Amino acid sequence: MRRWPAFLLAGVVGSAAAQAPDPYGSGRPAYNSNVEEDAPWQELDIDPPAFPKQEDLREFYVSAVATNKYFIDASTLAVGTDGVVRYVLVVRTSGGATNVSFEGMRCKDLSWKHYATGGSDSNWTKSRVTRSEWRLIENKPVNRHHAALSRDYFCPMGSAIRTADEGRNALRLGKHPNSL
């Protein structure tokens, strides 16, 4: 019975010693000292690409009930060193209007961002601050093109494509080979 307090004291002292800063003055606890901490994520500062050309547009499937037609400008598709898949999206409505936007997608947290809007004069207008925040991709019946792009083309099984050619191939095939 008298050994119990001794074991408890040894456990407390051992735990405190393991969490003490290392003796060489780095100020970090000595446990797991061989594990590097991830640097905070830093988004690249990217300018909009050249305005899309008709011959570079690749239509992609969104859903059976979608009335709009959705296209990616294959020449603008890029995977940044920050892990963001960037592309120009062209949406043609059933009423004949065309919307052009430069966007990015983070597969790691399933979010998307609007960088710029294309005008009828073939020039870009950068997004307002409120519109250029990262937003969660939601699979809703209306405007579900981001969900289709992430699930079927650019983020198969939750991971970003590695190259632009991989994304172009997914668009050509109608679905990424690794998508569910």
Protein backbone atom coordinates (compact mmCIF):
# COMPACT_ATOMS: atom_id res chain seq x y z
CA MET A 1 0.00 0.00 0.00
CA ARG A 2 2.85 2.41 0.75
CA ARG A 3 4.20 2.10 -2.80
CA TRP A 4 1.17 3.75 -4.39
CA PRO A 5 2.12 7.35 -3.42
CA ALA A 6 5.68 6.74 -4.63
CA PHE A 7 4.44 5.56 -8.03
CA LEU A 8 2.09 8.55 -8.29
CA LEU A 9 4.93 10.95 -7.43
CA ALA A 10 7.23 9.29 -10.00
CA GLY A 11 4.54 9.58 -12.67
CA VAL A 12 3.96 13.28 -12.02
CA VAL A 13 7.70 14.06 -12.00
CA GLY A 14 8.25 12.04 -15.19
CA SER A 15 5.40 13.78 -16.99
CA ALA A 16 6.65 17.22 -16.00
CA ALA A 17 10.19 16.38 -17.14
CA ALA A 18 8.95 15.17 -20.53
CA GLN A 19 7.12 18.45 -21.14
CA ALA A 20 9.89 20.74 -19.90
CA PRO A 21 11.62 22.97 -22.45
CA ASP A 22 14.71 21.40 -23.92
CA PRO A 23 17.99 22.21 -22.17
CA TYR A 24 19.41 23.92 -25.28
CA GLY A 25 17.08 26.88 -25.02
CA SER A 26 14.69 26.58 -27.95
CA GLY A 27 11.74 27.10 -25.60
CA ARG A 28 9.82 24.18 -27.10
CA PRO A 29 8.94 21.08 -25.08
CA ALA A 30 11.40 18.22 -25.52
CA TYR A 31 8.73 15.64 -26.46
CA ASN A 32 8.21 15.16 -30.20
CA SER A 33 11.13 17.50 -30.83
CA ASN A 34 11.97 15.69 -34.07
CA VAL A 35 8.59 16.57 -35.62
CA GLU A 36 8.56 19.76 -37.70
CA GLU A 37 5.59 22.06 -37.32
CA ASP A 38 3.69 22.93 -40.48
CA ALA A 39 4.11 26.50 -41.61
CA PRO A 40 0.84 28.42 -41.85
CA TRP A 41 -0.80 28.19 -45.27
CA GLN A 42 0.00 31.13 -47.54
CA GLU A 43 -2.11 31.80 -50.62
CA LEU A 44 -0.29 32.88 -53.78
CA ASP A 45 -1.04 36.32 -55.17
CA ILE A 46 -2.26 35.52 -58.69
CA ASP A 47 -3.37 37.81 -61.50
CA PRO A 48 -6.24 36.74 -63.77
CA PRO A 49 -5.15 34.83 -66.89
CA ALA A 50 -5.84 35.80 -70.49
CA PHE A 51 -9.53 36.07 -71.30
CA PRO A 52 -11.03 32.73 -72.46
CA LYS A 53 -11.26 31.74 -76.11
CA GLN A 54 -14.09 29.62 -77.48
CA GLU A 55 -11.72 26.89 -78.72
CA ASP A 56 -10.30 26.36 -75.20
CA LEU A 57 -13.67 25.81 -73.48
CA ARG A 58 -14.45 22.31 -72.17
CA GLU A 59 -18.04 21.62 -71.13
CA PHE A 60 -18.57 19.65 -67.94
CA TYR A 61 -21.60 17.84 -66.55
CA VAL A 62 -23.31 19.32 -63.49
CA SER A 63 -26.66 17.51 -63.18
CA ALA A 64 -29.61 16.24 -65.17
CA VAL A 65 -31.74 19.19 -64.07
CA ALA A 66 -29.17 21.93 -64.80
CA THR A 67 -30.49 24.36 -67.38
CA ASN A 68 -27.22 26.27 -67.73
CA LYS A 69 -24.19 25.05 -69.65
CA TYR A 70 -20.90 25.03 -67.74
CA PHE A 71 -17.40 25.28 -69.22
CA ILE A 72 -13.81 25.42 -67.98
CA ASP A 73 -11.20 27.22 -70.06
CA ALA A 74 -8.67 24.38 -70.25
CA SER A 75 -5.82 26.76 -71.08
CA THR A 76 -6.25 28.55 -67.72
CA LEU A 77 -6.39 25.46 -65.53
CA ALA A 78 -3.46 25.53 -63.08
CA VAL A 79 -2.43 23.91 -59.81
CA GLY A 80 -0.50 26.36 -57.63
CA THR A 81 2.29 25.56 -55.19
CA ASP A 82 -0.20 26.66 -52.52
CA GLY A 83 -2.43 23.68 -53.40
CA VAL A 84 -5.14 25.79 -55.05
CA VAL A 85 -6.64 24.64 -58.36
CA ARG A 86 -7.36 27.79 -60.40
CA TYR A 87 -9.49 28.05 -63.53
CA VAL A 88 -11.76 30.25 -65.61
CA LEU A 89 -15.41 29.23 -65.42
CA VAL A 90 -17.85 30.16 -68.18
CA VAL A 91 -21.59 29.74 -67.55
CA ARG A 92 -24.09 30.13 -70.38
CA THR A 93 -27.63 30.53 -69.13
CA SER A 94 -30.69 29.14 -70.87
CA GLY A 95 -31.69 32.76 -71.57
CA GLY A 96 -28.49 33.41 -73.53
CA ALA A 97 -26.40 35.35 -71.00
CA THR A 98 -22.75 34.42 -70.48
CA ASN A 99 -20.98 34.77 -67.12
CA VAL A 100 -17.19 34.50 -66.91
CA SER A 101 -15.26 34.21 -63.66
CA PHE A 102 -11.73 33.43 -62.51
CA GLU A 103 -11.92 31.13 -59.47
CA GLY A 104 -9.88 28.88 -57.22
CA MET A 105 -10.64 25.69 -55.32
CA ARG A 106 -8.96 24.32 -52.18
CA CYS A 107 -9.57 20.59 -52.05
CA LYS A 108 -8.00 20.28 -48.60
CA ASP A 109 -10.97 22.02 -46.97
CA LEU A 110 -13.49 21.84 -49.86
CA SER A 111 -13.75 25.57 -50.40
CA TRP A 112 -13.77 27.91 -53.39
CA LYS A 113 -12.94 31.53 -54.03
CA HIS A 114 -13.98 34.08 -56.65
CA TYR A 115 -10.99 36.16 -57.85
CA ALA A 116 -12.38 38.17 -60.77
CA THR A 117 -15.35 38.62 -63.10
CA GLY A 118 -15.00 38.82 -66.86
CA GLY A 119 -16.73 41.68 -68.60
CA SER A 120 -18.28 41.90 -72.05
CA ASP A 121 -15.23 43.97 -73.06
CA SER A 122 -12.99 40.91 -72.38
CA ASN A 123 -11.40 42.56 -69.34
CA TRP A 124 -11.26 41.35 -65.74
CA THR A 125 -12.67 43.13 -62.69
CA LYS A 126 -11.19 41.94 -59.41
CA SER A 127 -13.69 40.77 -56.81
CA ARG A 128 -14.79 42.89 -53.90
CA VAL A 129 -13.34 41.86 -50.55
CA THR A 130 -16.61 40.28 -49.37
CA ARG A 131 -16.78 38.15 -52.50
CA SER A 132 -13.13 37.08 -52.47
CA GLU A 133 -13.33 35.12 -49.21
CA TRP A 134 -13.02 31.34 -49.21
CA ARG A 135 -16.47 29.73 -49.13
CA LEU A 136 -17.48 26.17 -48.34
CA ILE A 137 -18.49 24.07 -51.35
CA GLU A 138 -22.05 22.91 -50.79
CA ASN A 139 -23.88 20.30 -52.82
CA LYS A 140 -27.18 22.14 -53.24
CA PRO A 141 -29.70 21.64 -56.06
CA VAL A 142 -29.11 25.19 -57.34
CA ASN A 143 -25.63 26.34 -58.41
CA ARG A 144 -24.04 23.00 -57.69
CA HIS A 145 -21.29 23.41 -60.28
CA HIS A 146 -18.61 23.86 -57.58
CA ALA A 147 -19.64 20.57 -56.00
CA ALA A 148 -19.48 18.85 -59.40
CA LEU A 149 -16.06 20.34 -60.16
CA SER A 150 -14.62 19.32 -56.81
CA ARG A 151 -16.10 15.83 -56.63
CA ASP A 152 -15.82 14.73 -60.25
CA TYR A 153 -12.89 16.66 -61.73
CA PHE A 154 -10.45 18.58 -59.51
CA CYS A 155 -10.59 16.97 -56.04
CA PRO A 156 -11.00 13.22 -56.58
CA MET A 157 -11.35 11.44 -53.25
CA GLY A 158 -10.74 14.78 -51.48
CA SER A 159 -7.24 15.41 -52.86
CA ALA A 160 -6.30 18.06 -55.39
CA ILE A 161 -5.21 17.06 -58.86
CA ARG A 162 -1.42 17.21 -59.17
CA THR A 163 -1.17 18.88 -62.58
CA ALA A 164 -3.26 20.90 -64.98
CA ASP A 165 -3.00 18.06 -67.50
CA GLU A 166 -4.62 15.72 -64.99
CA GLY A 167 -7.56 18.15 -64.74
CA ARG A 168 -7.78 18.58 -68.51
CA ASN A 169 -7.84 14.79 -68.88
CA ALA A 170 -10.68 14.56 -66.33
CA LEU A 171 -12.65 17.16 -68.31
CA ARG A 172 -11.97 15.26 -71.55
CA LEU A 173 -13.12 11.96 -70.00
CA GLY A 174 -16.17 13.52 -68.32
CA LYS A 175 -14.94 12.49 -64.86
CA HIS A 176 -11.66 11.98 -63.04
CA PRO A 177 -10.67 8.28 -63.06
CA ASN A 178 -10.34 8.34 -59.23
CA SER A 179 -13.63 10.11 -58.47
CA LEU A 180 -16.30 8.12 -56.69
